[in-house]
Amino acid sequence: MQIFGYPLSPEADQPIQLSEASLVISVKAMRELASFLASCADEMDAGRKPFGADTHFHLRDFAKDDFGADLIVVPVSEHT
């Protein structure tokens, strides 16, 4: 797993790689995040999306609540 992120700076035009990330999150939001990740895995297992940099999932498209920040999942093949 690799973690990337954008600083709050408005002039940032591409993500930077992070060594760790901290989530300040409620239990309800954790459950929704877990459901989102399971849904992403289900999509990939079903073969409805190809692996690669062009495939990604946005938490904002899935979540019922506003998390305040988006989480973008880019799945890679376990064989890479």
N, C-alpha and C. Protein backbone atom coordinates (compact mmCIF):
# COMPACT_ATOMS: atom_id res chain seq x y z
N MET A 1 0.85 -1.17 0.00
CA MET A 1 0.00 0.00 0.00
C MET A 1 0.89 1.23 0.00
N GLN A 2 0.54 2.17 -0.81
CA GLN A 2 1.20 3.48 -0.83
C GLN A 2 0.16 4.52 -0.45
N ILE A 3 0.59 5.57 0.22
CA ILE A 3 -0.32 6.63 0.63
C ILE A 3 0.17 7.94 0.02
N PHE A 4 -0.75 8.65 -0.64
CA PHE A 4 -0.44 9.95 -1.22
C PHE A 4 -1.44 10.95 -0.68
N GLY A 5 -1.09 12.21 -0.73
CA GLY A 5 -2.01 13.23 -0.27
C GLY A 5 -1.62 14.60 -0.79
N TYR A 6 -2.57 15.50 -0.71
CA TYR A 6 -2.35 16.89 -1.10
C TYR A 6 -2.26 17.74 0.16
N PRO A 7 -1.33 18.68 0.21
CA PRO A 7 -1.35 19.64 1.32
C PRO A 7 -2.52 20.60 1.15
N LEU A 8 -2.87 21.30 2.19
CA LEU A 8 -3.97 22.25 2.11
C LEU A 8 -3.65 23.45 1.23
N SER A 9 -2.40 23.62 0.88
CA SER A 9 -1.96 24.74 0.05
C SER A 9 -2.68 24.74 -1.30
N PRO A 10 -3.27 25.87 -1.68
CA PRO A 10 -4.01 25.90 -2.95
C PRO A 10 -3.12 25.77 -4.19
N GLU A 11 -1.82 26.01 -4.07
CA GLU A 11 -0.97 25.90 -5.26
C GLU A 11 -0.45 24.48 -5.50
N ALA A 12 -0.79 23.55 -4.65
CA ALA A 12 -0.37 22.17 -4.85
C ALA A 12 -1.14 21.58 -6.03
N ASP A 13 -0.40 21.11 -7.03
CA ASP A 13 -1.06 20.58 -8.23
C ASP A 13 -0.92 19.07 -8.38
N GLN A 14 -0.13 18.43 -7.52
CA GLN A 14 -0.05 16.97 -7.56
C GLN A 14 0.22 16.44 -6.15
N PRO A 15 -0.20 15.20 -5.91
CA PRO A 15 -0.05 14.65 -4.57
C PRO A 15 1.41 14.34 -4.23
N ILE A 16 1.70 14.28 -2.94
CA ILE A 16 3.01 13.87 -2.46
C ILE A 16 2.84 12.54 -1.73
N GLN A 17 3.89 11.72 -1.74
CA GLN A 17 3.82 10.44 -1.04
C GLN A 17 4.02 10.68 0.45
N LEU A 18 3.19 10.01 1.25
CA LEU A 18 3.23 10.14 2.70
C LEU A 18 3.74 8.85 3.32
N SER A 19 4.42 8.95 4.45
CA SER A 19 4.89 7.75 5.13
C SER A 19 3.83 7.19 6.06
N GLU A 20 2.89 8.03 6.48
CA GLU A 20 1.77 7.57 7.29
C GLU A 20 0.66 8.60 7.20
N ALA A 21 -0.52 8.18 7.59
CA ALA A 21 -1.68 9.07 7.62
C ALA A 21 -2.46 8.77 8.89
N SER A 22 -3.06 9.78 9.46
CA SER A 22 -3.89 9.61 10.65
C SER A 22 -5.32 9.97 10.30
N LEU A 23 -6.25 9.14 10.71
CA LEU A 23 -7.66 9.42 10.50
C LEU A 23 -8.27 9.84 11.83
N VAL A 24 -8.86 11.00 11.85
CA VAL A 24 -9.62 11.46 13.01
C VAL A 24 -11.07 11.24 12.61
N ILE A 25 -11.68 10.17 13.17
CA ILE A 25 -12.89 9.64 12.57
C ILE A 25 -13.81 9.03 13.63
N SER A 26 -15.10 9.18 13.45
CA SER A 26 -16.08 8.58 14.37
C SER A 26 -16.25 7.09 14.03
N VAL A 27 -16.86 6.38 14.96
CA VAL A 27 -17.13 4.96 14.73
C VAL A 27 -18.08 4.79 13.54
N LYS A 28 -19.10 5.62 13.46
CA LYS A 28 -20.04 5.54 12.34
C LYS A 28 -19.31 5.75 11.01
N ALA A 29 -18.43 6.74 10.96
CA ALA A 29 -17.67 7.01 9.73
C ALA A 29 -16.69 5.88 9.43
N MET A 30 -16.11 5.27 10.47
CA MET A 30 -15.22 4.12 10.25
C MET A 30 -15.96 2.98 9.58
N ARG A 31 -17.18 2.74 10.04
CA ARG A 31 -17.99 1.66 9.44
C ARG A 31 -18.32 1.99 7.98
N GLU A 32 -18.62 3.26 7.70
CA GLU A 32 -18.91 3.65 6.32
C GLU A 32 -17.65 3.53 5.45
N LEU A 33 -16.51 3.89 6.00
CA LEU A 33 -15.25 3.76 5.28
C LEU A 33 -14.96 2.28 4.98
N ALA A 34 -15.17 1.42 5.97
CA ALA A 34 -14.97 -0.02 5.77
C ALA A 34 -15.91 -0.55 4.68
N SER A 35 -17.14 -0.09 4.68
CA SER A 35 -18.11 -0.51 3.67
C SER A 35 -17.67 -0.03 2.28
N PHE A 36 -17.15 1.19 2.21
CA PHE A 36 -16.64 1.73 0.95
C PHE A 36 -15.49 0.87 0.42
N LEU A 37 -14.54 0.53 1.28
CA LEU A 37 -13.40 -0.28 0.84
C LEU A 37 -13.85 -1.67 0.40
N ALA A 38 -14.80 -2.26 1.12
CA ALA A 38 -15.34 -3.57 0.72
C ALA A 38 -16.04 -3.48 -0.63
N SER A 39 -16.76 -2.38 -0.86
CA SER A 39 -17.44 -2.17 -2.13
C SER A 39 -16.43 -2.05 -3.28
N CYS A 40 -15.34 -1.34 -3.04
CA CYS A 40 -14.28 -1.24 -4.05
C CYS A 40 -13.72 -2.62 -4.38
N ALA A 41 -13.46 -3.42 -3.36
CA ALA A 41 -12.92 -4.76 -3.56
C ALA A 41 -13.92 -5.64 -4.33
N ASP A 42 -15.20 -5.50 -4.00
CA ASP A 42 -16.24 -6.27 -4.71
C ASP A 42 -16.26 -5.91 -6.19
N GLU A 43 -16.15 -4.62 -6.50
CA GLU A 43 -16.12 -4.18 -7.91
C GLU A 43 -14.94 -4.81 -8.65
N MET A 44 -13.78 -4.83 -8.01
CA MET A 44 -12.60 -5.38 -8.65
C MET A 44 -12.72 -6.90 -8.79
N ASP A 45 -13.22 -7.57 -7.75
CA ASP A 45 -13.40 -9.03 -7.82
C ASP A 45 -14.37 -9.43 -8.92
N ALA A 46 -15.38 -8.61 -9.13
CA ALA A 46 -16.38 -8.91 -10.15
C ALA A 46 -15.88 -8.61 -11.56
N GLY A 47 -14.70 -7.99 -11.66
CA GLY A 47 -14.13 -7.70 -12.97
C GLY A 47 -14.80 -6.56 -13.70
N ARG A 48 -15.56 -5.73 -12.98
CA ARG A 48 -16.26 -4.63 -13.63
C ARG A 48 -15.35 -3.43 -13.90
N LYS A 49 -14.16 -3.44 -13.32
CA LYS A 49 -13.20 -2.36 -13.53
C LYS A 49 -11.84 -2.98 -13.81
N PRO A 50 -11.06 -2.40 -14.72
CA PRO A 50 -9.71 -2.91 -14.98
C PRO A 50 -8.73 -2.37 -13.93
N PHE A 51 -7.69 -3.13 -13.65
CA PHE A 51 -6.64 -2.63 -12.78
C PHE A 51 -5.84 -1.58 -13.54
N GLY A 52 -5.26 -0.65 -12.83
CA GLY A 52 -4.40 0.36 -13.44
C GLY A 52 -4.70 1.75 -12.92
N ALA A 53 -3.83 2.66 -13.28
CA ALA A 53 -3.90 4.02 -12.76
C ALA A 53 -5.19 4.75 -13.14
N ASP A 54 -5.84 4.32 -14.22
CA ASP A 54 -7.07 5.00 -14.65
C ASP A 54 -8.29 4.57 -13.84
N THR A 55 -8.19 3.49 -13.10
CA THR A 55 -9.30 3.03 -12.28
C THR A 55 -9.14 3.57 -10.87
N HIS A 56 -10.16 4.24 -10.40
CA HIS A 56 -10.12 4.73 -9.02
C HIS A 56 -11.54 4.93 -8.52
N PHE A 57 -11.67 4.95 -7.21
CA PHE A 57 -12.96 5.11 -6.55
C PHE A 57 -12.86 6.28 -5.58
N HIS A 58 -13.88 7.11 -5.54
CA HIS A 58 -13.93 8.25 -4.63
C HIS A 58 -14.90 7.96 -3.49
N LEU A 59 -14.44 8.15 -2.28
CA LEU A 59 -15.31 8.01 -1.12
C LEU A 59 -16.49 8.97 -1.22
N ARG A 60 -16.28 10.17 -1.73
CA ARG A 60 -17.36 11.15 -1.86
C ARG A 60 -18.49 10.66 -2.75
N ASP A 61 -18.18 9.80 -3.72
CA ASP A 61 -19.22 9.26 -4.59
C ASP A 61 -20.02 8.17 -3.88
N PHE A 62 -19.47 7.58 -2.85
CA PHE A 62 -20.07 6.45 -2.16
C PHE A 62 -20.78 6.85 -0.86
N ALA A 63 -20.16 7.75 -0.13
CA ALA A 63 -20.58 8.04 1.25
C ALA A 63 -21.88 8.83 1.32
N LYS A 64 -22.67 8.48 2.31
CA LYS A 64 -23.89 9.23 2.58
C LYS A 64 -23.59 10.52 3.32
N ASP A 65 -22.56 10.49 4.16
CA ASP A 65 -22.17 11.66 4.95
C ASP A 65 -20.97 12.34 4.32
N ASP A 66 -20.80 13.60 4.63
CA ASP A 66 -19.64 14.35 4.17
C ASP A 66 -18.49 14.10 5.13
N PHE A 67 -17.42 13.53 4.63
CA PHE A 67 -16.26 13.24 5.45
C PHE A 67 -15.37 14.46 5.62
N GLY A 68 -15.61 15.52 4.86
CA GLY A 68 -14.77 16.70 4.92
C GLY A 68 -13.54 16.61 4.03
N ALA A 69 -13.15 15.40 3.68
CA ALA A 69 -12.03 15.16 2.78
C ALA A 69 -12.39 13.94 1.94
N ASP A 70 -11.85 13.88 0.76
CA ASP A 70 -12.12 12.72 -0.09
C ASP A 70 -11.03 11.69 0.11
N LEU A 71 -11.37 10.44 -0.07
CA LEU A 71 -10.40 9.35 -0.09
C LEU A 71 -10.52 8.72 -1.47
N ILE A 72 -9.42 8.61 -2.15
CA ILE A 72 -9.40 8.03 -3.48
C ILE A 72 -8.63 6.71 -3.41
N VAL A 73 -9.28 5.64 -3.85
CA VAL A 73 -8.66 4.32 -3.84
C VAL A 73 -8.29 3.96 -5.28
N VAL A 74 -7.02 3.63 -5.48
CA VAL A 74 -6.52 3.20 -6.79
C VAL A 74 -6.06 1.75 -6.63
N PRO A 75 -6.88 0.79 -7.07
CA PRO A 75 -6.52 -0.62 -6.86
C PRO A 75 -5.43 -1.08 -7.82
N VAL A 76 -4.53 -1.89 -7.29
CA VAL A 76 -3.48 -2.51 -8.11
C VAL A 76 -3.63 -4.02 -8.00
N SER A 77 -3.19 -4.69 -9.01
CA SER A 77 -3.25 -6.16 -9.02
C SER A 77 -2.31 -6.71 -7.96
N GLU A 78 -2.72 -7.79 -7.34
CA GLU A 78 -1.87 -8.43 -6.34
C GLU A 78 -0.66 -9.08 -6.99
N HIS A 79 -0.65 -9.16 -8.30
CA HIS A 79 0.44 -9.81 -9.03
C HIS A 79 1.46 -8.82 -9.55
N THR A 80 1.33 -7.54 -9.14
CA THR A 80 2.31 -6.54 -9.61
C THR A 80 3.30 -6.21 -8.53
